Amino acid sequence: MTARPDEPGESDPLVQRVRRQSERDRRARAAGPPSVARRLAQIGVLGWIIVTPMLIGLFLGRWLDRSLASGLFWTAPLLLLGAVLGCWSAWKWMRSA
């Protein structure tokens, strides 16, 4: 069976995405609902995904501010950058799960 020119083929990204989503749904139905412990573990991982880059930014900013005697010049922006990076990473992790 060949596709008509106006029908999407196997190389179409939308067709591939629908197939992947269908396979994920099939596996989820076969596995059943996740346990409470698994849900709590996911929440814990999500928290660390957000907090870790923020702490790295905080420590790096404090170190730079102490070394350069610049008050909070580096701490605040690096903490904010860590928060943005952490939230972006969490969003990507949630979208892939």
C-alpha atoms as a PDB file:
ATOM      1  CA  MET A   1       0.000   0.000   0.000  1.00  0.00           C
ATOM      2  CA  THR A   2       1.533   3.292  -1.052  1.00  0.00           C
ATOM      3  CA  ALA A   3       0.692   6.672   0.383  1.00  0.00           C
ATOM      4  CA  ARG A   4      -0.980   9.255  -1.769  1.00  0.00           C
ATOM      5  CA  PRO A   5       0.968  12.490  -2.283  1.00  0.00           C
ATOM      6  CA  ASP A   6      -1.299  14.358   0.151  1.00  0.00           C
ATOM      7  CA  GLU A   7      -0.972  11.732   2.936  1.00  0.00           C
ATOM      8  CA  PRO A   8       1.873  11.805   5.480  1.00  0.00           C
ATOM      9  CA  GLY A   9       4.506   9.096   5.135  1.00  0.00           C
ATOM     10  CA  GLU A  10       6.499   7.121   7.690  1.00  0.00           C
ATOM     11  CA  SER A  11       9.200   9.811   7.750  1.00  0.00           C
ATOM     12  CA  ASP A  12       6.694  12.488   8.814  1.00  0.00           C
ATOM     13  CA  PRO A  13       7.610  13.729  12.336  1.00  0.00           C
ATOM     14  CA  LEU A  14       3.939  13.880  13.349  1.00  0.00           C
ATOM     15  CA  VAL A  15       3.387  10.236  12.404  1.00  0.00           C
ATOM     16  CA  GLN A  16       6.499   9.210  14.353  1.00  0.00           C
ATOM     17  CA  ARG A  17       5.403  11.214  17.400  1.00  0.00           C
ATOM     18  CA  VAL A  18       1.912   9.692  17.354  1.00  0.00           C
ATOM     19  CA  ARG A  19       3.420   6.194  17.130  1.00  0.00           C
ATOM     20  CA  ARG A  20       5.735   6.879  20.097  1.00  0.00           C
ATOM     21  CA  GLN A  21       2.867   8.278  22.172  1.00  0.00           C
ATOM     22  CA  SER A  22       0.686   5.294  21.292  1.00  0.00           C
ATOM     23  CA  GLU A  23       3.455   2.912  22.389  1.00  0.00           C
ATOM     24  CA  ARG A  24       3.885   4.834  25.677  1.00  0.00           C
ATOM     25  CA  ASP A  25       0.153   4.660  26.334  1.00  0.00           C
ATOM     26  CA  ARG A  26       0.119   0.917  25.635  1.00  0.00           C
ATOM     27  CA  ARG A  27       3.029   0.310  28.048  1.00  0.00           C
ATOM     28  CA  ALA A  28       1.417   2.496  30.738  1.00  0.00           C
ATOM     29  CA  ARG A  29      -1.847   0.561  30.528  1.00  0.00           C
ATOM     30  CA  ALA A  30       0.051  -2.738  30.738  1.00  0.00           C
ATOM     31  CA  ALA A  31       2.106  -1.595  33.762  1.00  0.00           C
ATOM     32  CA  GLY A  32      -0.839  -0.214  35.719  1.00  0.00           C
ATOM     33  CA  PRO A  33      -0.863   2.860  37.952  1.00  0.00           C
ATOM     34  CA  PRO A  34       2.374   3.769  39.774  1.00  0.00           C
ATOM     35  CA  SER A  35       2.621   3.140  43.507  1.00  0.00           C
ATOM     36  CA  VAL A  36       2.587   5.874  46.144  1.00  0.00           C
ATOM     37  CA  ALA A  37       6.290   5.270  46.798  1.00  0.00           C
ATOM     38  CA  ARG A  38       7.106   5.772  43.113  1.00  0.00           C
ATOM     39  CA  ARG A  39       5.120   9.022  43.032  1.00  0.00           C
ATOM     40  CA  LEU A  40       6.931  10.289  46.148  1.00  0.00           C
ATOM     41  CA  ALA A  41      10.279   9.348  44.598  1.00  0.00           C
ATOM     42  CA  GLN A  42       9.397  11.305  41.459  1.00  0.00           C
ATOM     43  CA  ILE A  43       8.496  14.358  43.549  1.00  0.00           C
ATOM     44  CA  GLY A  44      11.816  14.072  45.396  1.00  0.00           C
ATOM     45  CA  VAL A  45      13.790  13.822  42.170  1.00  0.00           C
ATOM     46  CA  LEU A  46      11.900  16.777  40.752  1.00  0.00           C
ATOM     47  CA  GLY A  47      12.802  18.856  43.803  1.00  0.00           C
ATOM     48  CA  TRP A  48      16.489  18.001  43.524  1.00  0.00           C
ATOM     49  CA  ILE A  49      16.474  18.759  39.795  1.00  0.00           C
ATOM     50  CA  ILE A  50      15.350  22.297  40.638  1.00  0.00           C
ATOM     51  CA  VAL A  51      17.348  22.865  43.836  1.00  0.00           C
ATOM     52  CA  THR A  52      20.763  21.544  42.724  1.00  0.00           C
ATOM     53  CA  PRO A  53      21.445  24.172  40.001  1.00  0.00           C
ATOM     54  CA  MET A  54      20.233  26.877  42.375  1.00  0.00           C
ATOM     55  CA  LEU A  55      22.678  25.762  45.078  1.00  0.00           C
ATOM     56  CA  ILE A  56      25.524  25.585  42.574  1.00  0.00           C
ATOM     57  CA  GLY A  57      24.710  29.128  41.423  1.00  0.00           C
ATOM     58  CA  LEU A  58      24.502  30.317  45.017  1.00  0.00           C
ATOM     59  CA  PHE A  59      27.840  28.830  46.052  1.00  0.00           C
ATOM     60  CA  LEU A  60      29.594  29.974  42.874  1.00  0.00           C
ATOM     61  CA  GLY A  61      28.159  33.481  43.279  1.00  0.00           C
ATOM     62  CA  ARG A  62      29.186  33.710  46.937  1.00  0.00           C
ATOM     63  CA  TRP A  63      32.688  32.523  46.067  1.00  0.00           C
ATOM     64  CA  LEU A  64      33.003  35.107  43.284  1.00  0.00           C
ATOM     65  CA  ASP A  65      31.630  37.877  45.511  1.00  0.00           C
ATOM     66  CA  ARG A  66      34.061  36.995  48.303  1.00  0.00           C
ATOM     67  CA  SER A  67      36.982  36.801  45.880  1.00  0.00           C
ATOM     68  CA  LEU A  68      36.144  40.073  44.147  1.00  0.00           C
ATOM     69  CA  ALA A  69      34.655  41.875  47.204  1.00  0.00           C
ATOM     70  CA  SER A  70      31.573  42.761  45.169  1.00  0.00           C
ATOM     71  CA  GLY A  71      28.724  42.373  47.679  1.00  0.00           C
ATOM     72  CA  LEU A  72      25.900  40.400  46.048  1.00  0.00           C
ATOM     73  CA  PHE A  73      26.799  41.329  42.481  1.00  0.00           C
ATOM     74  CA  TRP A  74      27.348  37.718  41.347  1.00  0.00           C
ATOM     75  CA  THR A  75      25.254  35.809  43.894  1.00  0.00           C
ATOM     76  CA  ALA A  76      21.851  37.132  42.867  1.00  0.00           C
ATOM     77  CA  PRO A  77      22.169  36.638  39.094  1.00  0.00           C
ATOM     78  CA  LEU A  78      23.782  33.188  39.422  1.00  0.00           C
ATOM     79  CA  LEU A  79      21.070  32.104  41.857  1.00  0.00           C
ATOM     80  CA  LEU A  80      18.425  33.299  39.377  1.00  0.00           C
ATOM     81  CA  LEU A  81      20.245  31.556  36.520  1.00  0.00           C
ATOM     82  CA  GLY A  82      20.303  28.362  38.599  1.00  0.00           C
ATOM     83  CA  ALA A  83      16.563  28.649  39.233  1.00  0.00           C
ATOM     84  CA  VAL A  84      15.848  29.113  35.529  1.00  0.00           C
ATOM     85  CA  LEU A  85      18.121  26.215  34.593  1.00  0.00           C
ATOM     86  CA  GLY A  86      16.571  24.002  37.288  1.00  0.00           C
ATOM     87  CA  CYS A  87      13.002  24.760  36.215  1.00  0.00           C
ATOM     88  CA  TRP A  88      13.891  24.184  32.559  1.00  0.00           C
ATOM     89  CA  SER A  89      15.533  20.858  33.452  1.00  0.00           C
ATOM     90  CA  ALA A  90      12.494  19.828  35.511  1.00  0.00           C
ATOM     91  CA  TRP A  91      10.174  20.723  32.649  1.00  0.00           C
ATOM     92  CA  LYS A  92      12.280  18.667  30.219  1.00  0.00           C
ATOM     93  CA  TRP A  93      12.345  15.736  32.685  1.00  0.00           C
ATOM     94  CA  MET A  94       8.582  15.840  33.158  1.00  0.00           C
ATOM     95  CA  ARG A  95       7.986  15.978  29.405  1.00  0.00           C
ATOM     96  CA  SER A  96      10.185  12.920  28.803  1.00  0.00           C
ATOM     97  CA  ALA A  97       8.654  10.807  31.594  1.00  0.00           C
END
